[in-house]
Amino acid sequence: AASSMSGKSAVTTNGKLFSPETVASSSKSFLEVLHILTLQVHTLEECSGLHKQLPFLDHEQKALSSGVNIDSYLKQLLHVPRSLVNVWALQCAPDGPLPSDGSGENRGSVLGL
């Protein structure tokens, strides 16, 4: 059910409001997310070079190691599954509940969520 609070639209789900304030009060800060992503990128870089450093790896392990790269990782982070493309809660205002300074096209991606 939709309700209005000081001119801003919000959605009530089980008695709780879903609004920009809800997102702002999230327990995960931007710096925490950035830190995790940075650690993942460094780990990815290490894994991608294993096939060069360890000559005893079998063919399958070498193929996995050589196929890993930061570009493919970032594409996975920005990919929006078809099931989330037109989800109302992920759309920008006025069509959805949250404003966006950008296009909001990747809001349903791993990085966006």
PDB file of N, CA and C in Angstrom:
ATOM      1  N   ALA A   1       0.837  -1.169   0.000  1.00  0.00           N
ATOM      2  CA  ALA A   1       0.000   0.000   0.000  1.00  0.00           C
ATOM      3  C   ALA A   1       0.880   1.228   0.000  1.00  0.00           C
ATOM      4  N   ALA A   2       0.517   2.222  -0.764  1.00  0.00           N
ATOM      5  CA  ALA A   2       1.309   3.448  -0.828  1.00  0.00           C
ATOM      6  C   ALA A   2       0.774   4.452   0.169  1.00  0.00           C
ATOM      7  N   SER A   3       1.648   5.211   0.755  1.00  0.00           N
ATOM      8  CA  SER A   3       1.258   6.271   1.669  1.00  0.00           C
ATOM      9  C   SER A   3       2.077   7.507   1.350  1.00  0.00           C
ATOM     10  N   SER A   4       1.690   8.639   1.913  1.00  0.00           N
ATOM     11  CA  SER A   4       2.429   9.874   1.662  1.00  0.00           C
ATOM     12  C   SER A   4       2.914  10.455   2.972  1.00  0.00           C
ATOM     13  N   MET A   5       4.165  10.893   2.963  1.00  0.00           N
ATOM     14  CA  MET A   5       4.760  11.428   4.170  1.00  0.00           C
ATOM     15  C   MET A   5       5.498  12.699   3.782  1.00  0.00           C
ATOM     16  N   SER A   6       5.027  13.822   4.207  1.00  0.00           N
ATOM     17  CA  SER A   6       5.605  15.130   3.903  1.00  0.00           C
ATOM     18  C   SER A   6       5.892  15.320   2.408  1.00  0.00           C
ATOM     19  N   GLY A   7       4.941  14.924   1.588  1.00  0.00           N
ATOM     20  CA  GLY A   7       5.071  15.122   0.157  1.00  0.00           C
ATOM     21  C   GLY A   7       5.913  14.087  -0.558  1.00  0.00           C
ATOM     22  N   LYS A   8       6.558  13.178   0.151  1.00  0.00           N
ATOM     23  CA  LYS A   8       7.367  12.124  -0.461  1.00  0.00           C
ATOM     24  C   LYS A   8       6.571  10.836  -0.470  1.00  0.00           C
ATOM     25  N   SER A   9       6.660  10.092  -1.562  1.00  0.00           N
ATOM     26  CA  SER A   9       5.947   8.828  -1.601  1.00  0.00           C
ATOM     27  C   SER A   9       6.783   7.731  -0.949  1.00  0.00           C
ATOM     28  N   ALA A  10       6.109   6.815  -0.306  1.00  0.00           N
ATOM     29  CA  ALA A  10       6.767   5.688   0.342  1.00  0.00           C
ATOM     30  C   ALA A  10       5.866   4.477   0.216  1.00  0.00           C
ATOM     31  N   VAL A  11       6.406   3.330   0.446  1.00  0.00           N
ATOM     32  CA  VAL A  11       5.646   2.091   0.369  1.00  0.00           C
ATOM     33  C   VAL A  11       5.678   1.432   1.732  1.00  0.00           C
ATOM     34  N   THR A  12       4.524   0.970   2.185  1.00  0.00           N
ATOM     35  CA  THR A  12       4.455   0.285   3.465  1.00  0.00           C
ATOM     36  C   THR A  12       4.455  -1.211   3.218  1.00  0.00           C
ATOM     37  N   THR A  13       5.418  -1.901   3.812  1.00  0.00           N
ATOM     38  CA  THR A  13       5.514  -3.341   3.720  1.00  0.00           C
ATOM     39  C   THR A  13       5.660  -3.881   5.135  1.00  0.00           C
ATOM     40  N   ASN A  14       4.664  -4.611   5.597  1.00  0.00           N
ATOM     41  CA  ASN A  14       4.672  -5.144   6.958  1.00  0.00           C
ATOM     42  C   ASN A  14       4.891  -4.047   7.995  1.00  0.00           C
ATOM     43  N   GLY A  15       4.289  -2.883   7.780  1.00  0.00           N
ATOM     44  CA  GLY A  15       4.374  -1.803   8.746  1.00  0.00           C
ATOM     45  C   GLY A  15       5.619  -0.949   8.645  1.00  0.00           C
ATOM     46  N   LYS A  16       6.564  -1.289   7.780  1.00  0.00           N
ATOM     47  CA  LYS A  16       7.786  -0.513   7.624  1.00  0.00           C
ATOM     48  C   LYS A  16       7.737   0.260   6.320  1.00  0.00           C
ATOM     49  N   LEU A  17       8.262   1.485   6.328  1.00  0.00           N
ATOM     50  CA  LEU A  17       8.277   2.308   5.123  1.00  0.00           C
ATOM     51  C   LEU A  17       9.532   2.043   4.306  1.00  0.00           C
ATOM     52  N   PHE A  18       9.365   1.929   2.999  1.00  0.00           N
ATOM     53  CA  PHE A  18      10.495   1.811   2.082  1.00  0.00           C
ATOM     54  C   PHE A  18      10.626   3.150   1.388  1.00  0.00           C
ATOM     55  N   SER A  19      11.692   3.861   1.686  1.00  0.00           N
ATOM     56  CA  SER A  19      11.860   5.219   1.184  1.00  0.00           C
ATOM     57  C   SER A  19      13.351   5.528   1.063  1.00  0.00           C
ATOM     58  N   PRO A  20      13.692   6.709   0.569  1.00  0.00           N
ATOM     59  CA  PRO A  20      15.113   7.094   0.529  1.00  0.00           C
ATOM     60  C   PRO A  20      15.756   7.059   1.918  1.00  0.00           C
ATOM     61  N   GLU A  21      14.984   7.372   2.940  1.00  0.00           N
ATOM     62  CA  GLU A  21      15.515   7.340   4.311  1.00  0.00           C
ATOM     63  C   GLU A  21      15.871   5.915   4.727  1.00  0.00           C
ATOM     64  N   THR A  22      15.083   4.935   4.260  1.00  0.00           N
ATOM     65  CA  THR A  22      15.374   3.536   4.562  1.00  0.00           C
ATOM     66  C   THR A  22      16.708   3.132   3.968  1.00  0.00           C
ATOM     67  N   VAL A  23      16.935   3.538   2.721  1.00  0.00           N
ATOM     68  CA  VAL A  23      18.194   3.216   2.062  1.00  0.00           C
ATOM     69  C   VAL A  23      19.352   3.926   2.752  1.00  0.00           C
ATOM     70  N   ALA A  24      19.147   5.197   3.112  1.00  0.00           N
ATOM     71  CA  ALA A  24      20.204   5.971   3.767  1.00  0.00           C
ATOM     72  C   ALA A  24      20.584   5.394   5.122  1.00  0.00           C
ATOM     73  N   SER A  25      19.650   4.746   5.790  1.00  0.00           N
ATOM     74  CA  SER A  25      19.930   4.195   7.117  1.00  0.00           C
ATOM     75  C   SER A  25      20.453   2.758   7.061  1.00  0.00           C
ATOM     76  N   SER A  26      20.796   2.287   5.881  1.00  0.00           N
ATOM     77  CA  SER A  26      21.314   0.930   5.726  1.00  0.00           C
ATOM     78  C   SER A  26      22.559   0.737   6.580  1.00  0.00           C
ATOM     79  N   SER A  27      22.747  -0.469   7.057  1.00  0.00           N
ATOM     80  CA  SER A  27      23.901  -0.755   7.909  1.00  0.00           C
ATOM     81  C   SER A  27      25.202  -0.836   7.108  1.00  0.00           C
ATOM     82  N   LYS A  28      25.114  -0.928   5.799  1.00  0.00           N
ATOM     83  CA  LYS A  28      26.298  -1.010   4.951  1.00  0.00           C
ATOM     84  C   LYS A  28      26.621   0.364   4.393  1.00  0.00           C
ATOM     85  N   SER A  29      27.788   0.873   4.692  1.00  0.00           N
ATOM     86  CA  SER A  29      28.182   2.169   4.158  1.00  0.00           C
ATOM     87  C   SER A  29      28.830   1.991   2.793  1.00  0.00           C
ATOM     88  N   PHE A  30      28.922   3.066   2.068  1.00  0.00           N
ATOM     89  CA  PHE A  30      29.566   3.043   0.758  1.00  0.00           C
ATOM     90  C   PHE A  30      31.019   2.601   0.892  1.00  0.00           C
ATOM     91  N   LEU A  31      31.709   3.076   1.939  1.00  0.00           N
ATOM     92  CA  LEU A  31      33.115   2.707   2.124  1.00  0.00           C
ATOM     93  C   LEU A  31      33.278   1.221   2.413  1.00  0.00           C
ATOM     94  N   GLU A  32      32.340   0.624   3.142  1.00  0.00           N
ATOM     95  CA  GLU A  32      32.414  -0.821   3.396  1.00  0.00           C
ATOM     96  C   GLU A  32      32.265  -1.605   2.099  1.00  0.00           C
ATOM     97  N   VAL A  33      31.323  -1.204   1.277  1.00  0.00           N
ATOM     98  CA  VAL A  33      31.109  -1.879  -0.001  1.00  0.00           C
ATOM     99  C   VAL A  33      32.330  -1.694  -0.897  1.00  0.00           C
ATOM    100  N   LEU A  34      32.875  -0.490  -0.943  1.00  0.00           N
ATOM    101  CA  LEU A  34      34.065  -0.223  -1.744  1.00  0.00           C
ATOM    102  C   LEU A  34      35.250  -1.052  -1.267  1.00  0.00           C
ATOM    103  N   HIS A  35      35.387  -1.193   0.035  1.00  0.00           N
ATOM    104  CA  HIS A  35      36.471  -2.004   0.604  1.00  0.00           C
ATOM    105  C   HIS A  35      36.342  -3.467   0.164  1.00  0.00           C
ATOM    106  N   ILE A  36      35.152  -4.011   0.242  1.00  0.00           N
ATOM    107  CA  ILE A  36      34.919  -5.412  -0.159  1.00  0.00           C
ATOM    108  C   ILE A  36      35.215  -5.596  -1.640  1.00  0.00           C
ATOM    109  N   LEU A  37      34.748  -4.663  -2.473  1.00  0.00           N
ATOM    110  CA  LEU A  37      35.001  -4.761  -3.915  1.00  0.00           C
ATOM    111  C   LEU A  37      36.490  -4.672  -4.222  1.00  0.00           C
ATOM    112  N   THR A  38      37.202  -3.812  -3.503  1.00  0.00           N
ATOM    113  CA  THR A  38      38.650  -3.688  -3.708  1.00  0.00           C
ATOM    114  C   THR A  38      39.355  -4.980  -3.348  1.00  0.00           C
ATOM    115  N   LEU A  39      38.964  -5.590  -2.233  1.00  0.00           N
ATOM    116  CA  LEU A  39      39.553  -6.878  -1.845  1.00  0.00           C
ATOM    117  C   LEU A  39      39.256  -7.949  -2.883  1.00  0.00           C
ATOM    118  N   GLN A  40      38.045  -7.951  -3.419  1.00  0.00           N
ATOM    119  CA  GLN A  40      37.687  -8.935  -4.431  1.00  0.00           C
ATOM    120  C   GLN A  40      38.509  -8.748  -5.700  1.00  0.00           C
ATOM    121  N   VAL A  41      38.748  -7.508  -6.092  1.00  0.00           N
ATOM    122  CA  VAL A  41      39.540  -7.242  -7.299  1.00  0.00           C
ATOM    123  C   VAL A  41      40.979  -7.703  -7.095  1.00  0.00           C
ATOM    124  N   HIS A  42      41.561  -7.419  -5.914  1.00  0.00           N
ATOM    125  CA  HIS A  42      42.932  -7.871  -5.651  1.00  0.00           C
ATOM    126  C   HIS A  42      43.021  -9.400  -5.640  1.00  0.00           C
ATOM    127  N   THR A  43      42.028 -10.055  -5.063  1.00  0.00           N
ATOM    128  CA  THR A  43      41.989 -11.520  -5.048  1.00  0.00           C
ATOM    129  C   THR A  43      41.860 -12.051  -6.470  1.00  0.00           C
ATOM    130  N   LEU A  44      41.023 -11.398  -7.269  1.00  0.00           N
ATOM    131  CA  LEU A  44      40.834 -11.798  -8.661  1.00  0.00           C
ATOM    132  C   LEU A  44      42.136 -11.683  -9.446  1.00  0.00           C
ATOM    133  N   GLU A  45      42.873 -10.602  -9.221  1.00  0.00           N
ATOM    134  CA  GLU A  45      44.160 -10.426  -9.902  1.00  0.00           C
ATOM    135  C   GLU A  45      45.127 -11.541  -9.538  1.00  0.00           C
ATOM    136  N   GLU A  46      45.146 -11.919  -8.265  1.00  0.00           N
ATOM    137  CA  GLU A  46      46.030 -13.013  -7.831  1.00  0.00           C
ATOM    138  C   GLU A  46      45.626 -14.331  -8.485  1.00  0.00           C
ATOM    139  N   CYS A  47      44.341 -14.606  -8.512  1.00  0.00           N
ATOM    140  CA  CYS A  47      43.857 -15.865  -9.100  1.00  0.00           C
ATOM    141  C   CYS A  47      44.104 -15.921 -10.607  1.00  0.00           C
ATOM    142  N   SER A  48      44.002 -14.782 -11.267  1.00  0.00           N
ATOM    143  CA  SER A  48      44.164 -14.790 -12.720  1.00  0.00           C
ATOM    144  C   SER A  48      45.592 -15.096 -13.150  1.00  0.00           C
ATOM    145  N   GLY A  49      46.546 -14.928 -12.258  1.00  0.00           N
ATOM    146  CA  GLY A  49      47.931 -15.221 -12.599  1.00  0.00           C
ATOM    147  C   GLY A  49      48.421 -16.578 -12.146  1.00  0.00           C
ATOM    148  N   LEU A  50      47.557 -17.371 -11.531  1.00  0.00           N
ATOM    149  CA  LEU A  50      47.976 -18.677 -11.016  1.00  0.00           C
ATOM    150  C   LEU A  50      48.510 -19.594 -12.114  1.00  0.00           C
ATOM    151  N   HIS A  51      47.901 -19.558 -13.288  1.00  0.00           N
ATOM    152  CA  HIS A  51      48.331 -20.444 -14.370  1.00  0.00           C
ATOM    153  C   HIS A  51      49.750 -20.114 -14.830  1.00  0.00           C
ATOM    154  N   LYS A  52      50.204 -18.887 -14.596  1.00  0.00           N
ATOM    155  CA  LYS A  52      51.568 -18.508 -14.969  1.00  0.00           C
ATOM    156  C   LYS A  52      52.565 -18.909 -13.873  1.00  0.00           C
ATOM    157  N   GLN A  53      52.131 -18.836 -12.611  1.00  0.00           N
ATOM    158  CA  GLN A  53      53.018 -19.083 -11.480  1.00  0.00           C
ATOM    159  C   GLN A  53      53.140 -20.558 -11.107  1.00  0.00           C
ATOM    160  N   LEU A  54      52.085 -21.315 -11.373  1.00  0.00           N
ATOM    161  CA  LEU A  54      52.061 -22.717 -10.948  1.00  0.00           C
ATOM    162  C   LEU A  54      51.995 -23.639 -12.161  1.00  0.00           C
ATOM    163  N   PRO A  55      53.123 -24.112 -12.643  1.00  0.00           N
ATOM    164  CA  PRO A  55      53.144 -24.923 -13.863  1.00  0.00           C
ATOM    165  C   PRO A  55      52.505 -26.307 -13.691  1.00  0.00           C
ATOM    166  N   PHE A  56      52.300 -26.746 -12.456  1.00  0.00           N
ATOM    167  CA  PHE A  56      51.757 -28.088 -12.225  1.00  0.00           C
ATOM    168  C   PHE A  56      50.232 -28.140 -12.279  1.00  0.00           C
ATOM    169  N   LEU A  57      49.549 -27.023 -12.540  1.00  0.00           N
ATOM    170  CA  LEU A  57      48.090 -27.042 -12.627  1.00  0.00           C
ATOM    171  C   LEU A  57      47.646 -27.857 -13.835  1.00  0.00           C
ATOM    172  N   ASP A  58      46.527 -28.554 -13.689  1.00  0.00           N
ATOM    173  CA  ASP A  58      46.021 -29.312 -14.834  1.00  0.00           C
ATOM    174  C   ASP A  58      45.347 -28.356 -15.830  1.00  0.00           C
ATOM    175  N   HIS A  59      44.979 -28.885 -16.983  1.00  0.00           N
ATOM    176  CA  HIS A  59      44.446 -28.057 -18.079  1.00  0.00           C
ATOM    177  C   HIS A  59      43.203 -27.274 -17.644  1.00  0.00           C
ATOM    178  N   GLU A  60      42.281 -27.914 -16.927  1.00  0.00           N
ATOM    179  CA  GLU A  60      41.042 -27.244 -16.500  1.00  0.00           C
ATOM    180  C   GLU A  60      41.341 -26.088 -15.547  1.00  0.00           C
ATOM    181  N   GLN A  61      42.227 -26.302 -14.604  1.00  0.00           N
ATOM    182  CA  GLN A  61      42.584 -25.242 -13.662  1.00  0.00           C
ATOM    183  C   GLN A  61      43.270 -24.078 -14.372  1.00  0.00           C
ATOM    184  N   LYS A  62      44.132 -24.391 -15.343  1.00  0.00           N
ATOM    185  CA  LYS A  62      44.796 -23.336 -16.111  1.00  0.00           C
ATOM    186  C   LYS A  62      43.774 -22.523 -16.914  1.00  0.00           C
ATOM    187  N   ALA A  63      42.796 -23.217 -17.500  1.00  0.00           N
ATOM    188  CA  ALA A  63      41.770 -22.529 -18.284  1.00  0.00           C
ATOM    189  C   ALA A  63      40.940 -21.596 -17.404  1.00  0.00           C
ATOM    190  N   LEU A  64      40.589 -22.075 -16.194  1.00  0.00           N
ATOM    191  CA  LEU A  64      39.836 -21.220 -15.268  1.00  0.00           C
ATOM    192  C   LEU A  64      40.648 -20.006 -14.854  1.00  0.00           C
ATOM    193  N   SER A  65      41.895 -20.214 -14.515  1.00  0.00           N
ATOM    194  CA  SER A  65      42.762 -19.130 -14.065  1.00  0.00           C
ATOM    195  C   SER A  65      42.999 -18.105 -15.167  1.00  0.00           C
ATOM    196  N   SER A  66      43.266 -18.567 -16.374  1.00  0.00           N
ATOM    197  CA  SER A  66      43.559 -17.631 -17.461  1.00  0.00           C
ATOM    198  C   SER A  66      42.308 -16.905 -17.943  1.00  0.00           C
ATOM    199  N   GLY A  67      41.130 -17.470 -17.699  1.00  0.00           N
ATOM    200  CA  GLY A  67      39.884 -16.847 -18.144  1.00  0.00           C
ATOM    201  C   GLY A  67      39.334 -15.805 -17.178  1.00  0.00           C
ATOM    202  N   VAL A  68      39.950 -15.693 -16.018  1.00  0.00           N
ATOM    203  CA  VAL A  68      39.497 -14.743 -15.013  1.00  0.00           C
ATOM    204  C   VAL A  68      40.145 -13.390 -15.283  1.00  0.00           C
ATOM    205  N   ASN A  69      39.328 -12.349 -15.324  1.00  0.00           N
ATOM    206  CA  ASN A  69      39.901 -11.008 -15.448  1.00  0.00           C
ATOM    207  C   ASN A  69      38.965  -9.974 -14.825  1.00  0.00           C
ATOM    208  N   ILE A  70      39.486  -8.806 -14.597  1.00  0.00           N
ATOM    209  CA  ILE A  70      38.722  -7.756 -13.919  1.00  0.00           C
ATOM    210  C   ILE A  70      37.558  -7.282 -14.774  1.00  0.00           C
ATOM    211  N   ASP A  71      37.742  -7.233 -16.083  1.00  0.00           N
ATOM    212  CA  ASP A  71      36.671  -6.787 -16.973  1.00  0.00           C
ATOM    213  C   ASP A  71      35.446  -7.691 -16.871  1.00  0.00           C
ATOM    214  N   SER A  72      35.665  -9.006 -16.895  1.00  0.00           N
ATOM    215  CA  SER A  72      34.526  -9.929 -16.795  1.00  0.00           C
ATOM    216  C   SER A  72      33.868  -9.835 -15.419  1.00  0.00           C
ATOM    217  N   TYR A  73      34.683  -9.604 -14.389  1.00  0.00           N
ATOM    218  CA  TYR A  73      34.154  -9.444 -13.031  1.00  0.00           C
ATOM    219  C   TYR A  73      33.264  -8.204 -12.941  1.00  0.00           C
ATOM    220  N   LEU A  74      33.718  -7.081 -13.489  1.00  0.00           N
ATOM    221  CA  LEU A  74      32.927  -5.851 -13.440  1.00  0.00           C
ATOM    222  C   LEU A  74      31.644  -5.987 -14.255  1.00  0.00           C
ATOM    223  N   LYS A  75      31.710  -6.701 -15.380  1.00  0.00           N
ATOM    224  CA  LYS A  75      30.496  -6.928 -16.170  1.00  0.00           C
ATOM    225  C   LYS A  75      29.473  -7.733 -15.376  1.00  0.00           C
ATOM    226  N   GLN A  76      29.947  -8.703 -14.584  1.00  0.00           N
ATOM    227  CA  GLN A  76      29.037  -9.480 -13.737  1.00  0.00           C
ATOM    228  C   GLN A  76      28.396  -8.595 -12.674  1.00  0.00           C
ATOM    229  N   LEU A  77      29.154  -7.644 -12.138  1.00  0.00           N
ATOM    230  CA  LEU A  77      28.618  -6.748 -11.115  1.00  0.00           C
ATOM    231  C   LEU A  77      27.549  -5.811 -11.668  1.00  0.00           C
ATOM    232  N   LEU A  78      27.673  -5.445 -12.949  1.00  0.00           N
ATOM    233  CA  LEU A  78      26.748  -4.488 -13.555  1.00  0.00           C
ATOM    234  C   LEU A  78      25.589  -5.141 -14.294  1.00  0.00           C
ATOM    235  N   HIS A  79      25.657  -6.460 -14.486  1.00  0.00           N
ATOM    236  CA  HIS A  79      24.600  -7.171 -15.208  1.00  0.00           C
ATOM    237  C   HIS A  79      23.306  -7.176 -14.392  1.00  0.00           C
ATOM    238  N   VAL A  80      22.212  -6.837 -15.047  1.00  0.00           N
ATOM    239  CA  VAL A  80      20.897  -6.868 -14.405  1.00  0.00           C
ATOM    240  C   VAL A  80      20.122  -8.056 -14.955  1.00  0.00           C
ATOM    241  N   PRO A  81      19.776  -9.024 -14.096  1.00  0.00           N
ATOM    242  CA  PRO A  81      18.997 -10.179 -14.574  1.00  0.00           C
ATOM    243  C   PRO A  81      17.652  -9.725 -15.148  1.00  0.00           C
ATOM    244  N   ARG A  82      17.174 -10.434 -16.152  1.00  0.00           N
ATOM    245  CA  ARG A  82      15.888 -10.079 -16.777  1.00  0.00           C
ATOM    246  C   ARG A  82      14.760 -10.001 -15.765  1.00  0.00           C
ATOM    247  N   SER A  83      14.817 -10.837 -14.733  1.00  0.00           N
ATOM    248  CA  SER A  83      13.740 -10.856 -13.735  1.00  0.00           C
ATOM    249  C   SER A  83      13.691  -9.580 -12.904  1.00  0.00           C
ATOM    250  N   LEU A  84      14.751  -8.754 -12.947  1.00  0.00           N
ATOM    251  CA  LEU A  84      14.781  -7.513 -12.168  1.00  0.00           C
ATOM    252  C   LEU A  84      14.696  -6.250 -13.018  1.00  0.00           C
ATOM    253  N   VAL A  85      14.538  -6.409 -14.329  1.00  0.00           N
ATOM    254  CA  VAL A  85      14.572  -5.250 -15.216  1.00  0.00           C
ATOM    255  C   VAL A  85      13.432  -4.269 -14.931  1.00  0.00           C
ATOM    256  N   ASN A  86      12.215  -4.722 -14.770  1.00  0.00           N
ATOM    257  CA  ASN A  86      11.075  -3.825 -14.586  1.00  0.00           C
ATOM    258  C   ASN A  86      10.461  -3.918 -13.196  1.00  0.00           C
ATOM    259  N   VAL A  87      11.263  -4.236 -12.208  1.00  0.00           N
ATOM    260  CA  VAL A  87      10.766  -4.316 -10.835  1.00  0.00           C
ATOM    261  C   VAL A  87      10.546  -2.903 -10.321  1.00  0.00           C
ATOM    262  N   TRP A  88       9.354  -2.616  -9.812  1.00  0.00           N
ATOM    263  CA  TRP A  88       8.991  -1.265  -9.388  1.00  0.00           C
ATOM    264  C   TRP A  88       9.958  -0.708  -8.350  1.00  0.00           C
ATOM    265  N   ALA A  89      10.354  -1.484  -7.364  1.00  0.00           N
ATOM    266  CA  ALA A  89      11.198  -0.991  -6.277  1.00  0.00           C
ATOM    267  C   ALA A  89      12.586  -0.561  -6.748  1.00  0.00           C
ATOM    268  N   LEU A  90      12.994  -0.985  -7.930  1.00  0.00           N
ATOM    269  CA  LEU A  90      14.315  -0.646  -8.442  1.00  0.00           C
ATOM    270  C   LEU A  90      14.287   0.467  -9.481  1.00  0.00           C
ATOM    271  N   GLN A  91      13.099   0.972  -9.789  1.00  0.00           N
ATOM    272  CA  GLN A  91      12.993   2.036 -10.783  1.00  0.00           C
ATOM    273  C   GLN A  91      13.176   3.401 -10.132  1.00  0.00           C
ATOM    274  N   CYS A  92      13.628   4.360 -10.933  1.00  0.00           N
ATOM    275  CA  CYS A  92      13.839   5.721 -10.438  1.00  0.00           C
ATOM    276  C   CYS A  92      12.515   6.456 -10.280  1.00  0.00           C
ATOM    277  N   ALA A  93      12.477   7.408  -9.378  1.00  0.00           N
ATOM    278  CA  ALA A  93      11.301   8.259  -9.215  1.00  0.00           C
ATOM    279  C   ALA A  93      11.120   9.058 -10.507  1.00  0.00           C
ATOM    280  N   PRO A  94       9.950   9.358 -10.946  1.00  0.00           N
ATOM    281  CA  PRO A  94       8.651   9.164 -10.323  1.00  0.00           C
ATOM    282  C   PRO A  94       8.023   7.799 -10.579  1.00  0.00           C
ATOM    283  N   ASP A  95       8.654   6.958 -11.430  1.00  0.00           N
ATOM    284  CA  ASP A  95       8.089   5.632 -11.716  1.00  0.00           C
ATOM    285  C   ASP A  95       8.308   4.664 -10.565  1.00  0.00           C
ATOM    286  N   GLY A  96       9.339   4.867  -9.790  1.00  0.00           N
ATOM    287  CA  GLY A  96       9.668   4.016  -8.652  1.00  0.00           C
ATOM    288  C   GLY A  96       9.854   4.863  -7.406  1.00  0.00           C
ATOM    289  N   PRO A  97      10.238   4.226  -6.292  1.00  0.00           N
ATOM    290  CA  PRO A  97      10.272   4.935  -5.011  1.00  0.00           C
ATOM    291  C   PRO A  97      11.535   5.753  -4.731  1.00  0.00           C
ATOM    292  N   LEU A  98      12.620   5.505  -5.458  1.00  0.00           N
ATOM    293  CA  LEU A  98      13.882   6.155  -5.102  1.00  0.00           C
ATOM    294  C   LEU A  98      14.373   7.096  -6.194  1.00  0.00           C
ATOM    295  N   PRO A  99      14.815   8.296  -5.808  1.00  0.00           N
ATOM    296  CA  PRO A  99      15.380   9.202  -6.798  1.00  0.00           C
ATOM    297  C   PRO A  99      16.764   8.728  -7.223  1.00  0.00           C
ATOM    298  N   SER A 100      17.234   9.215  -8.356  1.00  0.00           N
ATOM    299  CA  SER A 100      18.563   8.846  -8.832  1.00  0.00           C
ATOM    300  C   SER A 100      19.156  10.020  -9.597  1.00  0.00           C
ATOM    301  N   ASP A 101      20.438  10.279  -9.349  1.00  0.00           N
ATOM    302  CA  ASP A 101      21.118  11.310 -10.115  1.00  0.00           C
ATOM    303  C   ASP A 101      21.579  10.768 -11.465  1.00  0.00           C
ATOM    304  N   GLY A 102      21.586   9.454 -11.600  1.00  0.00           N
ATOM    305  CA  GLY A 102      21.987   8.815 -12.843  1.00  0.00           C
ATOM    306  C   GLY A 102      20.793   8.214 -13.545  1.00  0.00           C
ATOM    307  N   SER A 103      21.070   7.297 -14.449  1.00  0.00           N
ATOM    308  CA  SER A 103      19.986   6.670 -15.211  1.00  0.00           C
ATOM    309  C   SER A 103      19.237   5.632 -14.370  1.00  0.00           C
ATOM    310  N   GLY A 104      19.914   5.034 -13.406  1.00  0.00           N
ATOM    311  CA  GLY A 104      19.299   3.998 -12.594  1.00  0.00           C
ATOM    312  C   GLY A 104      19.165   2.675 -13.314  1.00  0.00           C
ATOM    313  N   GLU A 105      19.758   2.557 -14.514  1.00  0.00           N
ATOM    314  CA  GLU A 105      19.596   1.348 -15.316  1.00  0.00           C
ATOM    315  C   GLU A 105      20.218   0.114 -14.667  1.00  0.00           C
ATOM    316  N   ASN A 106      21.255   0.289 -13.868  1.00  0.00           N
ATOM    317  CA  ASN A 106      21.936  -0.852 -13.272  1.00  0.00           C
ATOM    318  C   ASN A 106      21.565  -1.077 -11.810  1.00  0.00           C
ATOM    319  N   ARG A 107      20.468  -0.512 -11.382  1.00  0.00           N
ATOM    320  CA  ARG A 107      20.071  -0.617  -9.998  1.00  0.00           C
ATOM    321  C   ARG A 107      19.775  -2.063  -9.587  1.00  0.00           C
ATOM    322  N   GLY A 108      19.350  -2.893 -10.497  1.00  0.00           N
ATOM    323  CA  GLY A 108      19.050  -4.285 -10.201  1.00  0.00           C
ATOM    324  C   GLY A 108      20.256  -5.200 -10.270  1.00  0.00           C
ATOM    325  N   SER A 109      21.426  -4.648 -10.518  1.00  0.00           N
ATOM    326  CA  SER A 109      22.639  -5.457 -10.579  1.00  0.00           C
ATOM    327  C   SER A 109      23.176  -5.750  -9.190  1.00  0.00           C
ATOM    328  N   VAL A 110      24.175  -6.599  -9.108  1.00  0.00           N
ATOM    329  CA  VAL A 110      24.803  -6.906  -7.819  1.00  0.00           C
ATOM    330  C   VAL A 110      25.330  -5.624  -7.186  1.00  0.00           C
ATOM    331  N   LEU A 111      25.992  -4.809  -7.974  1.00  0.00           N
ATOM    332  CA  LEU A 111      26.544  -3.550  -7.475  1.00  0.00           C
ATOM    333  C   LEU A 111      25.439  -2.582  -7.090  1.00  0.00           C
ATOM    334  N   GLY A 112      24.397  -2.522  -7.885  1.00  0.00           N
ATOM    335  CA  GLY A 112      23.271  -1.626  -7.602  1.00  0.00           C
ATOM    336  C   GLY A 112      22.520  -1.999  -6.349  1.00  0.00           C
ATOM    337  N   LEU A 113      22.372  -3.310  -6.110  1.00  0.00           N
ATOM    338  CA  LEU A 113      21.653  -3.744  -4.921  1.00  0.00           C
ATOM    339  C   LEU A 113      22.524  -3.577  -3.708  1.00  0.00           C
TER     340      LEU A 113
END
